[in-house]
Amino acid sequence: MKRYGALSDLSDDLLVETYEKAKTLNLASDFLLLIEMEIDRRSIYNKKIDL
């Protein structure tokens, strides 16, 4: 099934980098949640990610 949306177009590495930067910048919790949901959907469990 094709997923539509900007987050689904990002590579795994770029998605993780985006999440880390968003946390550093204290961006909106809703935005962080969207990224977390995409990370969970992809089953990306990087040692550096602290969800």
Protein backbone atom coordinates (compact mmCIF):
# COMPACT_ATOMS: atom_id res chain seq x y z
CA MET A 1 0.00 0.00 0.00
CA LYS A 2 1.42 3.38 -1.00
CA ARG A 3 1.70 5.85 1.84
CA TYR A 4 1.25 9.52 1.08
CA GLY A 5 2.85 12.33 2.99
CA ALA A 6 6.20 13.95 3.46
CA LEU A 7 7.35 11.67 6.28
CA SER A 8 6.79 8.50 4.29
CA ASP A 9 9.09 9.88 1.57
CA LEU A 10 12.06 10.31 3.94
CA SER A 11 14.78 7.69 4.23
CA ASP A 12 15.05 5.95 7.60
CA ASP A 13 18.24 7.86 8.45
CA LEU A 14 16.71 11.20 7.54
CA LEU A 15 13.57 10.41 9.53
CA VAL A 16 15.66 9.68 12.63
CA GLU A 17 17.71 12.84 12.07
CA THR A 18 14.50 14.85 11.70
CA TYR A 19 13.14 13.43 14.95
CA GLU A 20 16.33 14.21 16.86
CA LYS A 21 16.46 17.78 15.51
CA ALA A 22 12.76 18.35 16.26
CA LYS A 23 13.33 17.28 19.87
CA THR A 24 16.38 19.53 20.16
CA LEU A 25 14.38 22.49 18.87
CA ASN A 26 11.44 21.69 21.17
CA LEU A 27 9.02 21.64 18.25
CA ALA A 28 5.32 20.97 18.72
CA SER A 29 4.45 17.73 20.48
CA ASP A 30 1.97 16.91 17.69
CA PHE A 31 4.79 17.04 15.14
CA LEU A 32 6.98 14.82 17.32
CA LEU A 33 4.11 12.38 17.65
CA LEU A 34 3.70 12.17 13.87
CA ILE A 35 7.40 11.37 13.50
CA GLU A 36 7.22 8.79 16.31
CA MET A 37 4.26 7.11 14.63
CA GLU A 38 6.19 6.88 11.34
CA ILE A 39 9.22 5.46 13.16
CA ASP A 40 6.98 2.85 14.82
CA ARG A 41 5.26 2.06 11.51
CA ARG A 42 8.63 1.33 9.93
CA SER A 43 9.84 -0.57 13.00
CA ILE A 44 12.97 1.57 13.18
CA TYR A 45 14.64 0.97 16.49
CA ASN A 46 17.92 2.82 16.51
CA LYS A 47 20.03 2.76 19.64
CA LYS A 48 20.22 6.56 19.48
CA ILE A 49 16.46 7.15 19.43
CA ASP A 50 14.87 7.88 22.79
CA LEU A 51 11.13 7.80 22.08
